[in-house]
Amino acid sequence: MARAFQYLYDYGDGWCCIVVMEAVAPMAPGVVYPRIVEGARIGPPEDVGGPWGYGEFLEAIADPKHERHNELLEWCGGDFDPQQFDVDEINRRLASLAPRKSTRRNTAKRAAG
């Protein structure tokens, strides 16, 4: 059932992401949707220069002898782990984007009725 679509993130830098939906499971009560169940690697920093710039960035931050090592570490805030992927944090962020159900009763309708 795998379905995929391409998402062009940044026209200028040419980031094209492929999103694959591998399965659809029944909704579980009390779970906020949408959500993800797994993934890999953190996204690259903004304005890193597209896929080629990201490759150079990863080389530089991994090698303390690289001529741009200190510059790029400082640019990205001093810490970047490309292997990081926190499912819980991503789902918290997704939940903050989900529409909220109103728990307030419509008092105007009750008063009019």
PDB file of N, CA and C in Angstrom:
ATOM      1  N   MET A   1       0.818  -1.190   0.000  1.00  0.00           N
ATOM      2  CA  MET A   1       0.000   0.000   0.000  1.00  0.00           C
ATOM      3  C   MET A   1       0.860   1.250   0.000  1.00  0.00           C
ATOM      4  N   ALA A   2       2.154   1.119  -0.066  1.00  0.00           N
ATOM      5  CA  ALA A   2       3.012   2.303   0.018  1.00  0.00           C
ATOM      6  C   ALA A   2       2.655   3.308  -1.072  1.00  0.00           C
ATOM      7  N   ARG A   3       2.454   4.542  -0.645  1.00  0.00           N
ATOM      8  CA  ARG A   3       2.218   5.651  -1.559  1.00  0.00           C
ATOM      9  C   ARG A   3       3.243   6.713  -1.225  1.00  0.00           C
ATOM     10  N   ALA A   4       3.679   7.425  -2.238  1.00  0.00           N
ATOM     11  CA  ALA A   4       4.698   8.440  -2.026  1.00  0.00           C
ATOM     12  C   ALA A   4       4.327   9.698  -2.780  1.00  0.00           C
ATOM     13  N   PHE A   5       4.827  10.814  -2.273  1.00  0.00           N
ATOM     14  CA  PHE A   5       4.706  12.062  -3.010  1.00  0.00           C
ATOM     15  C   PHE A   5       5.969  12.870  -2.792  1.00  0.00           C
ATOM     16  N   GLN A   6       6.239  13.738  -3.735  1.00  0.00           N
ATOM     17  CA  GLN A   6       7.394  14.615  -3.631  1.00  0.00           C
ATOM     18  C   GLN A   6       6.955  15.964  -3.102  1.00  0.00           C
ATOM     19  N   TYR A   7       7.810  16.542  -2.294  1.00  0.00           N
ATOM     20  CA  TYR A   7       7.544  17.846  -1.714  1.00  0.00           C
ATOM     21  C   TYR A   7       8.759  18.717  -1.998  1.00  0.00           C
ATOM     22  N   LEU A   8       8.577  19.756  -2.822  1.00  0.00           N
ATOM     23  CA  LEU A   8       9.667  20.667  -3.120  1.00  0.00           C
ATOM     24  C   LEU A   8       9.680  21.722  -2.034  1.00  0.00           C
ATOM     25  N   TYR A   9      10.685  21.652  -1.162  1.00  0.00           N
ATOM     26  CA  TYR A   9      10.742  22.501   0.018  1.00  0.00           C
ATOM     27  C   TYR A   9      11.282  23.886  -0.297  1.00  0.00           C
ATOM     28  N   ASP A  10      12.317  23.958  -1.085  1.00  0.00           N
ATOM     29  CA  ASP A  10      12.979  25.237  -1.327  1.00  0.00           C
ATOM     30  C   ASP A  10      13.362  25.307  -2.797  1.00  0.00           C
ATOM     31  N   TYR A  11      12.645  26.132  -3.555  1.00  0.00           N
ATOM     32  CA  TYR A  11      12.910  26.235  -4.986  1.00  0.00           C
ATOM     33  C   TYR A  11      14.338  26.688  -5.267  1.00  0.00           C
ATOM     34  N   GLY A  12      14.838  27.657  -4.516  1.00  0.00           N
ATOM     35  CA  GLY A  12      16.160  28.208  -4.757  1.00  0.00           C
ATOM     36  C   GLY A  12      17.284  27.221  -4.533  1.00  0.00           C
ATOM     37  N   ASP A  13      17.170  26.413  -3.481  1.00  0.00           N
ATOM     38  CA  ASP A  13      18.234  25.463  -3.163  1.00  0.00           C
ATOM     39  C   ASP A  13      17.963  24.061  -3.705  1.00  0.00           C
ATOM     40  N   GLY A  14      16.772  23.814  -4.193  1.00  0.00           N
ATOM     41  CA  GLY A  14      16.474  22.530  -4.823  1.00  0.00           C
ATOM     42  C   GLY A  14      16.243  21.368  -3.870  1.00  0.00           C
ATOM     43  N   TRP A  15      15.724  21.654  -2.671  1.00  0.00           N
ATOM     44  CA  TRP A  15      15.414  20.556  -1.740  1.00  0.00           C
ATOM     45  C   TRP A  15      14.129  19.885  -2.186  1.00  0.00           C
ATOM     46  N   CYS A  16      14.224  18.634  -2.517  1.00  0.00           N
ATOM     47  CA  CYS A  16      13.046  17.858  -2.888  1.00  0.00           C
ATOM     48  C   CYS A  16      12.966  16.668  -1.934  1.00  0.00           C
ATOM     49  N   CYS A  17      11.915  16.621  -1.137  1.00  0.00           N
ATOM     50  CA  CYS A  17      11.741  15.547  -0.161  1.00  0.00           C
ATOM     51  C   CYS A  17      10.737  14.547  -0.710  1.00  0.00           C
ATOM     52  N   ILE A  18      10.948  13.296  -0.425  1.00  0.00           N
ATOM     53  CA  ILE A  18       9.990  12.257  -0.793  1.00  0.00           C
ATOM     54  C   ILE A  18       9.372  11.739   0.495  1.00  0.00           C
ATOM     55  N   VAL A  19       8.060  11.845   0.577  1.00  0.00           N
ATOM     56  CA  VAL A  19       7.324  11.379   1.744  1.00  0.00           C
ATOM     57  C   VAL A  19       6.640  10.074   1.361  1.00  0.00           C
ATOM     58  N   VAL A  20       6.866   9.036   2.158  1.00  0.00           N
ATOM     59  CA  VAL A  20       6.298   7.723   1.868  1.00  0.00           C
ATOM     60  C   VAL A  20       5.314   7.354   2.972  1.00  0.00           C
ATOM     61  N   MET A  21       4.083   7.049   2.569  1.00  0.00           N
ATOM     62  CA  MET A  21       3.089   6.547   3.513  1.00  0.00           C
ATOM     63  C   MET A  21       3.050   5.035   3.304  1.00  0.00           C
ATOM     64  N   GLU A  22       3.467   4.313   4.317  1.00  0.00           N
ATOM     65  CA  GLU A  22       3.578   2.876   4.185  1.00  0.00           C
ATOM     66  C   GLU A  22       2.342   2.133   4.639  1.00  0.00           C
ATOM     67  N   ALA A  23       1.572   2.719   5.545  1.00  0.00           N
ATOM     68  CA  ALA A  23       0.378   2.041   6.054  1.00  0.00           C
ATOM     69  C   ALA A  23      -0.543   3.060   6.702  1.00  0.00           C
ATOM     70  N   VAL A  24      -1.810   2.701   6.771  1.00  0.00           N
ATOM     71  CA  VAL A  24      -2.794   3.495   7.488  1.00  0.00           C
ATOM     72  C   VAL A  24      -3.389   2.583   8.545  1.00  0.00           C
ATOM     73  N   ALA A  25      -3.305   3.020   9.793  1.00  0.00           N
ATOM     74  CA  ALA A  25      -3.826   2.221  10.904  1.00  0.00           C
ATOM     75  C   ALA A  25      -5.106   2.881  11.418  1.00  0.00           C
ATOM     76  N   PRO A  26      -5.961   2.107  12.063  1.00  0.00           N
ATOM     77  CA  PRO A  26      -7.167   2.699  12.649  1.00  0.00           C
ATOM     78  C   PRO A  26      -6.792   3.737  13.704  1.00  0.00           C
ATOM     79  N   MET A  27      -7.626   4.760  13.827  1.00  0.00           N
ATOM     80  CA  MET A  27      -7.383   5.789  14.837  1.00  0.00           C
ATOM     81  C   MET A  27      -7.546   5.198  16.231  1.00  0.00           C
ATOM     82  N   ALA A  28      -6.659   5.609  17.116  1.00  0.00           N
ATOM     83  CA  ALA A  28      -6.735   5.162  18.508  1.00  0.00           C
ATOM     84  C   ALA A  28      -7.348   6.281  19.346  1.00  0.00           C
ATOM     85  N   PRO A  29      -8.242   5.950  20.260  1.00  0.00           N
ATOM     86  CA  PRO A  29      -8.838   6.974  21.111  1.00  0.00           C
ATOM     87  C   PRO A  29      -7.775   7.693  21.931  1.00  0.00           C
ATOM     88  N   GLY A  30      -7.916   9.009  22.050  1.00  0.00           N
ATOM     89  CA  GLY A  30      -7.012   9.791  22.870  1.00  0.00           C
ATOM     90  C   GLY A  30      -5.696  10.163  22.206  1.00  0.00           C
ATOM     91  N   VAL A  31      -5.492   9.758  20.963  1.00  0.00           N
ATOM     92  CA  VAL A  31      -4.258  10.087  20.250  1.00  0.00           C
ATOM     93  C   VAL A  31      -4.536  11.264  19.330  1.00  0.00           C
ATOM     94  N   VAL A  32      -3.627  12.245  19.339  1.00  0.00           N
ATOM     95  CA  VAL A  32      -3.774  13.423  18.484  1.00  0.00           C
ATOM     96  C   VAL A  32      -3.184  13.111  17.113  1.00  0.00           C
ATOM     97  N   TYR A  33      -3.935  13.426  16.085  1.00  0.00           N
ATOM     98  CA  TYR A  33      -3.483  13.210  14.711  1.00  0.00           C
ATOM     99  C   TYR A  33      -3.386  14.541  13.993  1.00  0.00           C
ATOM    100  N   PRO A  34      -2.510  14.698  12.999  1.00  0.00           N
ATOM    101  CA  PRO A  34      -1.629  13.679  12.418  1.00  0.00           C
ATOM    102  C   PRO A  34      -0.448  13.401  13.338  1.00  0.00           C
ATOM    103  N   ARG A  35       0.190  12.266  13.111  1.00  0.00           N
ATOM    104  CA  ARG A  35       1.373  11.891  13.868  1.00  0.00           C
ATOM    105  C   ARG A  35       2.220  10.953  13.035  1.00  0.00           C
ATOM    106  N   ILE A  36       3.451  10.818  13.413  1.00  0.00           N
ATOM    107  CA  ILE A  36       4.344   9.883  12.744  1.00  0.00           C
ATOM    108  C   ILE A  36       4.717   8.792  13.726  1.00  0.00           C
ATOM    109  N   VAL A  37       5.119   7.659  13.199  1.00  0.00           N
ATOM    110  CA  VAL A  37       5.522   6.559  14.071  1.00  0.00           C
ATOM    111  C   VAL A  37       7.009   6.264  13.984  1.00  0.00           C
ATOM    112  N   GLU A  38       7.655   6.661  12.877  1.00  0.00           N
ATOM    113  CA  GLU A  38       9.102   6.504  12.789  1.00  0.00           C
ATOM    114  C   GLU A  38       9.648   7.360  11.666  1.00  0.00           C
ATOM    115  N   GLY A  39      10.932   7.535  11.688  1.00  0.00           N
ATOM    116  CA  GLY A  39      11.616   8.314  10.668  1.00  0.00           C
ATOM    117  C   GLY A  39      13.112   8.202  10.892  1.00  0.00           C
ATOM    118  N   ALA A  40      13.863   8.993  10.140  1.00  0.00           N
ATOM    119  CA  ALA A  40      15.314   8.953  10.266  1.00  0.00           C
ATOM    120  C   ALA A  40      15.898  10.320   9.970  1.00  0.00           C
ATOM    121  N   ARG A  41      16.881  10.688  10.736  1.00  0.00           N
ATOM    122  CA  ARG A  41      17.695  11.886  10.561  1.00  0.00           C
ATOM    123  C   ARG A  41      16.911  13.187  10.694  1.00  0.00           C
ATOM    124  N   ILE A  42      17.575  14.142  11.297  1.00  0.00           N
ATOM    125  CA  ILE A  42      17.025  15.484  11.471  1.00  0.00           C
ATOM    126  C   ILE A  42      17.128  16.231  10.133  1.00  0.00           C
ATOM    127  N   GLY A  43      16.269  17.195   9.940  1.00  0.00           N
ATOM    128  CA  GLY A  43      16.337  18.008   8.738  1.00  0.00           C
ATOM    129  C   GLY A  43      17.552  18.916   8.770  1.00  0.00           C
ATOM    130  N   PRO A  44      18.014  19.328   7.600  1.00  0.00           N
ATOM    131  CA  PRO A  44      19.178  20.214   7.552  1.00  0.00           C
ATOM    132  C   PRO A  44      18.836  21.610   8.054  1.00  0.00           C
ATOM    133  N   PRO A  45      19.848  22.357   8.477  1.00  0.00           N
ATOM    134  CA  PRO A  45      19.594  23.737   8.901  1.00  0.00           C
ATOM    135  C   PRO A  45      19.086  24.574   7.724  1.00  0.00           C
ATOM    136  N   GLU A  46      18.301  25.596   8.026  1.00  0.00           N
ATOM    137  CA  GLU A  46      17.823  26.519   6.996  1.00  0.00           C
ATOM    138  C   GLU A  46      18.999  27.195   6.307  1.00  0.00           C
ATOM    139  N   ASP A  47      18.852  27.412   5.024  1.00  0.00           N
ATOM    140  CA  ASP A  47      19.827  28.159   4.223  1.00  0.00           C
ATOM    141  C   ASP A  47      21.234  27.568   4.248  1.00  0.00           C
ATOM    142  N   VAL A  48      21.308  26.240   4.298  1.00  0.00           N
ATOM    143  CA  VAL A  48      22.612  25.579   4.305  1.00  0.00           C
ATOM    144  C   VAL A  48      23.196  25.473   2.891  1.00  0.00           C
ATOM    145  N   GLY A  49      22.395  25.787   1.878  1.00  0.00           N
ATOM    146  CA  GLY A  49      22.926  25.780   0.514  1.00  0.00           C
ATOM    147  C   GLY A  49      22.503  24.588  -0.317  1.00  0.00           C
ATOM    148  N   GLY A  50      21.337  24.040  -0.026  1.00  0.00           N
ATOM    149  CA  GLY A  50      20.837  22.912  -0.807  1.00  0.00           C
ATOM    150  C   GLY A  50      21.579  21.628  -0.484  1.00  0.00           C
ATOM    151  N   PRO A  51      21.288  20.571  -1.239  1.00  0.00           N
ATOM    152  CA  PRO A  51      21.918  19.276  -0.974  1.00  0.00           C
ATOM    153  C   PRO A  51      23.446  19.320  -1.016  1.00  0.00           C
ATOM    154  N   TRP A  52      24.026  20.121  -1.936  1.00  0.00           N
ATOM    155  CA  TRP A  52      25.481  20.183  -2.039  1.00  0.00           C
ATOM    156  C   TRP A  52      26.071  20.949  -0.862  1.00  0.00           C
ATOM    157  N   GLY A  53      25.440  22.027  -0.472  1.00  0.00           N
ATOM    158  CA  GLY A  53      25.904  22.781   0.688  1.00  0.00           C
ATOM    159  C   GLY A  53      25.782  21.970   1.963  1.00  0.00           C
ATOM    160  N   TYR A  54      24.724  21.159   2.046  1.00  0.00           N
ATOM    161  CA  TYR A  54      24.540  20.315   3.222  1.00  0.00           C
ATOM    162  C   TYR A  54      25.652  19.280   3.313  1.00  0.00           C
ATOM    163  N   GLY A  55      26.028  18.724   2.175  1.00  0.00           N
ATOM    164  CA  GLY A  55      27.135  17.763   2.165  1.00  0.00           C
ATOM    165  C   GLY A  55      28.419  18.389   2.677  1.00  0.00           C
ATOM    166  N   GLU A  56      28.723  19.601   2.216  1.00  0.00           N
ATOM    167  CA  GLU A  56      29.917  20.306   2.692  1.00  0.00           C
ATOM    168  C   GLU A  56      29.803  20.626   4.182  1.00  0.00           C
ATOM    169  N   PHE A  57      28.609  21.049   4.602  1.00  0.00           N
ATOM    170  CA  PHE A  57      28.360  21.354   6.011  1.00  0.00           C
ATOM    171  C   PHE A  57      28.649  20.134   6.884  1.00  0.00           C
ATOM    172  N   LEU A  58      28.116  18.963   6.488  1.00  0.00           N
ATOM    173  CA  LEU A  58      28.333  17.741   7.277  1.00  0.00           C
ATOM    174  C   LEU A  58      29.809  17.367   7.342  1.00  0.00           C
ATOM    175  N   GLU A  59      30.513  17.492   6.210  1.00  0.00           N
ATOM    176  CA  GLU A  59      31.954  17.205   6.209  1.00  0.00           C
ATOM    177  C   GLU A  59      32.695  18.135   7.161  1.00  0.00           C
ATOM    178  N   ALA A  60      32.363  19.418   7.094  1.00  0.00           N
ATOM    179  CA  ALA A  60      33.078  20.416   7.889  1.00  0.00           C
ATOM    180  C   ALA A  60      32.850  20.242   9.382  1.00  0.00           C
ATOM    181  N   ILE A  61      31.609  19.993   9.805  1.00  0.00           N
ATOM    182  CA  ILE A  61      31.366  19.887  11.250  1.00  0.00           C
ATOM    183  C   ILE A  61      31.889  18.569  11.821  1.00  0.00           C
ATOM    184  N   ALA A  62      32.067  17.555  10.951  1.00  0.00           N
ATOM    185  CA  ALA A  62      32.582  16.261  11.422  1.00  0.00           C
ATOM    186  C   ALA A  62      34.102  16.253  11.542  1.00  0.00           C
ATOM    187  N   ASP A  63      34.755  17.205  10.881  1.00  0.00           N
ATOM    188  CA  ASP A  63      36.221  17.206  10.833  1.00  0.00           C
ATOM    189  C   ASP A  63      36.773  18.477  11.463  1.00  0.00           C
ATOM    190  N   PRO A  64      37.296  18.385  12.691  1.00  0.00           N
ATOM    191  CA  PRO A  64      37.840  19.575  13.361  1.00  0.00           C
ATOM    192  C   PRO A  64      38.975  20.251  12.584  1.00  0.00           C
ATOM    193  N   LYS A  65      39.597  19.546  11.628  1.00  0.00           N
ATOM    194  CA  LYS A  65      40.681  20.124  10.836  1.00  0.00           C
ATOM    195  C   LYS A  65      40.168  20.799   9.558  1.00  0.00           C
ATOM    196  N   HIS A  66      38.891  20.667   9.284  1.00  0.00           N
ATOM    197  CA  HIS A  66      38.312  21.298   8.088  1.00  0.00           C
ATOM    198  C   HIS A  66      38.388  22.815   8.242  1.00  0.00           C
ATOM    199  N   GLU A  67      38.734  23.514   7.162  1.00  0.00           N
ATOM    200  CA  GLU A  67      38.923  24.974   7.237  1.00  0.00           C
ATOM    201  C   GLU A  67      37.671  25.733   7.650  1.00  0.00           C
ATOM    202  N   ARG A  68      36.487  25.150   7.462  1.00  0.00           N
ATOM    203  CA  ARG A  68      35.248  25.842   7.829  1.00  0.00           C
ATOM    204  C   ARG A  68      34.582  25.241   9.073  1.00  0.00           C
ATOM    205  N   HIS A  69      35.261  24.328   9.739  1.00  0.00           N
ATOM    206  CA  HIS A  69      34.681  23.633  10.896  1.00  0.00           C
ATOM    207  C   HIS A  69      34.117  24.602  11.934  1.00  0.00           C
ATOM    208  N   ASN A  70      34.951  25.483  12.453  1.00  0.00           N
ATOM    209  CA  ASN A  70      34.513  26.408  13.501  1.00  0.00           C
ATOM    210  C   ASN A  70      33.443  27.362  13.002  1.00  0.00           C
ATOM    211  N   GLU A  71      33.617  27.874  11.813  1.00  0.00           N
ATOM    212  CA  GLU A  71      32.643  28.810  11.229  1.00  0.00           C
ATOM    213  C   GLU A  71      31.252  28.186  11.134  1.00  0.00           C
ATOM    214  N   LEU A  72      31.181  26.965  10.605  1.00  0.00           N
ATOM    215  CA  LEU A  72      29.870  26.340  10.413  1.00  0.00           C
ATOM    216  C   LEU A  72      29.269  25.841  11.710  1.00  0.00           C
ATOM    217  N   LEU A  73      30.091  25.400  12.655  1.00  0.00           N
ATOM    218  CA  LEU A  73      29.555  25.027  13.974  1.00  0.00           C
ATOM    219  C   LEU A  73      28.946  26.245  14.660  1.00  0.00           C
ATOM    220  N   GLU A  74      29.635  27.369  14.575  1.00  0.00           N
ATOM    221  CA  GLU A  74      29.096  28.592  15.167  1.00  0.00           C
ATOM    222  C   GLU A  74      27.807  29.005  14.449  1.00  0.00           C
ATOM    223  N   TRP A  75      27.800  28.911  13.129  1.00  0.00           N
ATOM    224  CA  TRP A  75      26.637  29.291  12.316  1.00  0.00           C
ATOM    225  C   TRP A  75      25.388  28.478  12.703  1.00  0.00           C
ATOM    226  N   CYS A  76      25.577  27.196  12.987  1.00  0.00           N
ATOM    227  CA  CYS A  76      24.414  26.343  13.296  1.00  0.00           C
ATOM    228  C   CYS A  76      24.070  26.320  14.776  1.00  0.00           C
ATOM    229  N   GLY A  77      24.755  27.107  15.570  1.00  0.00           N
ATOM    230  CA  GLY A  77      24.439  27.167  16.996  1.00  0.00           C
ATOM    231  C   GLY A  77      25.342  26.315  17.859  1.00  0.00           C
ATOM    232  N   GLY A  78      26.381  25.726  17.284  1.00  0.00           N
ATOM    233  CA  GLY A  78      27.365  25.002  18.071  1.00  0.00           C
ATOM    234  C   GLY A  78      27.133  23.516  18.215  1.00  0.00           C
ATOM    235  N   ASP A  79      25.967  23.031  17.817  1.00  0.00           N
ATOM    236  CA  ASP A  79      25.683  21.610  17.989  1.00  0.00           C
ATOM    237  C   ASP A  79      24.724  21.163  16.898  1.00  0.00           C
ATOM    238  N   PHE A  80      25.102  20.134  16.165  1.00  0.00           N
ATOM    239  CA  PHE A  80      24.219  19.578  15.139  1.00  0.00           C
ATOM    240  C   PHE A  80      24.532  18.109  14.998  1.00  0.00           C
ATOM    241  N   ASP A  81      23.551  17.262  15.244  1.00  0.00           N
ATOM    242  CA  ASP A  81      23.704  15.819  15.097  1.00  0.00           C
ATOM    243  C   ASP A  81      22.767  15.361  13.990  1.00  0.00           C
ATOM    244  N   PRO A  82      23.299  15.064  12.787  1.00  0.00           N
ATOM    245  CA  PRO A  82      22.429  14.687  11.670  1.00  0.00           C
ATOM    246  C   PRO A  82      21.658  13.389  11.913  1.00  0.00           C
ATOM    247  N   GLN A  83      22.105  12.567  12.853  1.00  0.00           N
ATOM    248  CA  GLN A  83      21.416  11.308  13.127  1.00  0.00           C
ATOM    249  C   GLN A  83      20.241  11.472  14.096  1.00  0.00           C
ATOM    250  N   GLN A  84      20.133  12.639  14.690  1.00  0.00           N
ATOM    251  CA  GLN A  84      19.063  12.872  15.669  1.00  0.00           C
ATOM    252  C   GLN A  84      17.702  12.766  14.987  1.00  0.00           C
ATOM    253  N   PHE A  85      16.777  12.104  15.644  1.00  0.00           N
ATOM    254  CA  PHE A  85      15.393  12.037  15.186  1.00  0.00           C
ATOM    255  C   PHE A  85      14.542  11.708  16.405  1.00  0.00           C
ATOM    256  N   ASP A  86      13.786  12.666  16.868  1.00  0.00           N
ATOM    257  CA  ASP A  86      12.998  12.520  18.084  1.00  0.00           C
ATOM    258  C   ASP A  86      11.514  12.461  17.718  1.00  0.00           C
ATOM    259  N   VAL A  87      10.973  11.252  17.630  1.00  0.00           N
ATOM    260  CA  VAL A  87       9.575  11.053  17.247  1.00  0.00           C
ATOM    261  C   VAL A  87       8.641  11.811  18.178  1.00  0.00           C
ATOM    262  N   ASP A  88       8.900  11.770  19.482  1.00  0.00           N
ATOM    263  CA  ASP A  88       8.015  12.436  20.437  1.00  0.00           C
ATOM    264  C   ASP A  88       8.006  13.950  20.223  1.00  0.00           C
ATOM    265  N   GLU A  89       9.180  14.538  20.000  1.00  0.00           N
ATOM    266  CA  GLU A  89       9.254  15.984  19.770  1.00  0.00           C
ATOM    267  C   GLU A  89       8.527  16.364  18.477  1.00  0.00           C
ATOM    268  N   ILE A  90       8.705  15.592  17.442  1.00  0.00           N
ATOM    269  CA  ILE A  90       8.029  15.886  16.174  1.00  0.00           C
ATOM    270  C   ILE A  90       6.522  15.771  16.346  1.00  0.00           C
ATOM    271  N   ASN A  91       6.063  14.765  17.055  1.00  0.00           N
ATOM    272  CA  ASN A  91       4.616  14.628  17.282  1.00  0.00           C
ATOM    273  C   ASN A  91       4.069  15.744  18.165  1.00  0.00           C
ATOM    274  N   ARG A  92       4.865  16.248  19.114  1.00  0.00           N
ATOM    275  CA  ARG A  92       4.430  17.415  19.902  1.00  0.00           C
ATOM    276  C   ARG A  92       4.248  18.618  18.985  1.00  0.00           C
ATOM    277  N   ARG A  93       5.176  18.803  18.074  1.00  0.00           N
ATOM    278  CA  ARG A  93       5.071  19.928  17.133  1.00  0.00           C
ATOM    279  C   ARG A  93       3.873  19.754  16.198  1.00  0.00           C
ATOM    280  N   LEU A  94       3.659  18.550  15.727  1.00  0.00           N
ATOM    281  CA  LEU A  94       2.482  18.300  14.888  1.00  0.00           C
ATOM    282  C   LEU A  94       1.196  18.564  15.656  1.00  0.00           C
ATOM    283  N   ALA A  95       1.144  18.146  16.914  1.00  0.00           N
ATOM    284  CA  ALA A  95      -0.054  18.351  17.736  1.00  0.00           C
ATOM    285  C   ALA A  95      -0.347  19.832  17.908  1.00  0.00           C
ATOM    286  N   SER A  96       0.694  20.641  17.970  1.00  0.00           N
ATOM    287  CA  SER A  96       0.468  22.077  18.131  1.00  0.00           C
ATOM    288  C   SER A  96      -0.147  22.694  16.877  1.00  0.00           C
ATOM    289  N   LEU A  97      -0.047  22.012  15.755  1.00  0.00           N
ATOM    290  CA  LEU A  97      -0.622  22.493  14.501  1.00  0.00           C
ATOM    291  C   LEU A  97      -2.038  21.971  14.258  1.00  0.00           C
ATOM    292  N   ALA A  98      -2.419  20.916  14.985  1.00  0.00           N
ATOM    293  CA  ALA A  98      -3.724  20.283  14.777  1.00  0.00           C
ATOM    294  C   ALA A  98      -4.846  21.189  15.265  1.00  0.00           C
ATOM    295  N   PRO A  99      -5.976  21.194  14.558  1.00  0.00           N
ATOM    296  CA  PRO A  99      -7.117  21.995  15.032  1.00  0.00           C
ATOM    297  C   PRO A  99      -7.585  21.494  16.396  1.00  0.00           C
ATOM    298  N   ARG A 100      -7.937  22.393  17.224  1.00  0.00           N
ATOM    299  CA  ARG A 100      -8.414  22.045  18.570  1.00  0.00           C
ATOM    300  C   ARG A 100      -9.930  21.950  18.557  1.00  0.00           C
ATOM    301  N   LYS A 101     -10.441  20.957  19.255  1.00  0.00           N
ATOM    302  CA  LYS A 101     -11.893  20.837  19.413  1.00  0.00           C
ATOM    303  C   LYS A 101     -12.323  21.776  20.527  1.00  0.00           C
ATOM    304  N   SER A 102     -13.385  22.484  20.298  1.00  0.00           N
ATOM    305  CA  SER A 102     -13.879  23.404  21.314  1.00  0.00           C
ATOM    306  C   SER A 102     -14.588  22.621  22.403  1.00  0.00           C
ATOM    307  N   THR A 103     -14.227  22.911  23.639  1.00  0.00           N
ATOM    308  CA  THR A 103     -14.880  22.238  24.768  1.00  0.00           C
ATOM    309  C   THR A 103     -15.923  23.140  25.405  1.00  0.00           C
ATOM    310  N   ARG A 104     -15.996  24.403  24.942  1.00  0.00           N
ATOM    311  CA  ARG A 104     -16.993  25.320  25.489  1.00  0.00           C
ATOM    312  C   ARG A 104     -18.338  25.061  24.833  1.00  0.00           C
ATOM    313  N   ARG A 105     -19.348  25.174  25.602  1.00  0.00           N
ATOM    314  CA  ARG A 105     -20.697  25.053  25.057  1.00  0.00           C
ATOM    315  C   ARG A 105     -21.107  26.375  24.453  1.00  0.00           C
ATOM    316  N   ASN A 106     -21.928  26.303  23.474  1.00  0.00           N
ATOM    317  CA  ASN A 106     -22.389  27.525  22.824  1.00  0.00           C
ATOM    318  C   ASN A 106     -23.479  28.140  23.679  1.00  0.00           C
ATOM    319  N   THR A 107     -23.100  29.093  24.518  1.00  0.00           N
ATOM    320  CA  THR A 107     -24.060  29.685  25.449  1.00  0.00           C
ATOM    321  C   THR A 107     -25.065  30.583  24.729  1.00  0.00           C
ATOM    322  N   ALA A 108     -24.675  31.113  23.564  1.00  0.00           N
ATOM    323  CA  ALA A 108     -25.615  31.961  22.823  1.00  0.00           C
ATOM    324  C   ALA A 108     -26.820  31.160  22.354  1.00  0.00           C
ATOM    325  N   LYS A 109     -26.592  29.919  21.910  1.00  0.00           N
ATOM    326  CA  LYS A 109     -27.712  29.075  21.455  1.00  0.00           C
ATOM    327  C   LYS A 109     -28.617  28.704  22.625  1.00  0.00           C
ATOM    328  N   ARG A 110     -28.011  28.412  23.795  1.00  0.00           N
ATOM    329  CA  ARG A 110     -28.828  28.040  24.952  1.00  0.00           C
ATOM    330  C   ARG A 110     -29.668  29.231  25.412  1.00  0.00           C
ATOM    331  N   ALA A 111     -29.078  30.406  25.415  1.00  0.00           N
ATOM    332  CA  ALA A 111     -29.806  31.587  25.858  1.00  0.00           C
ATOM    333  C   ALA A 111     -30.954  31.946  24.919  1.00  0.00           C
ATOM    334  N   ALA A 112     -30.747  31.707  23.626  1.00  0.00           N
ATOM    335  CA  ALA A 112     -31.783  32.025  22.643  1.00  0.00           C
ATOM    336  C   ALA A 112     -32.891  30.995  22.643  1.00  0.00           C
ATOM    337  N   GLY A 113     -32.608  29.793  23.064  1.00  0.00           N
ATOM    338  CA  GLY A 113     -33.555  28.677  22.964  1.00  0.00           C
ATOM    339  C   GLY A 113     -34.456  28.620  24.071  1.00  0.00           C
TER     340      GLY A 113
END
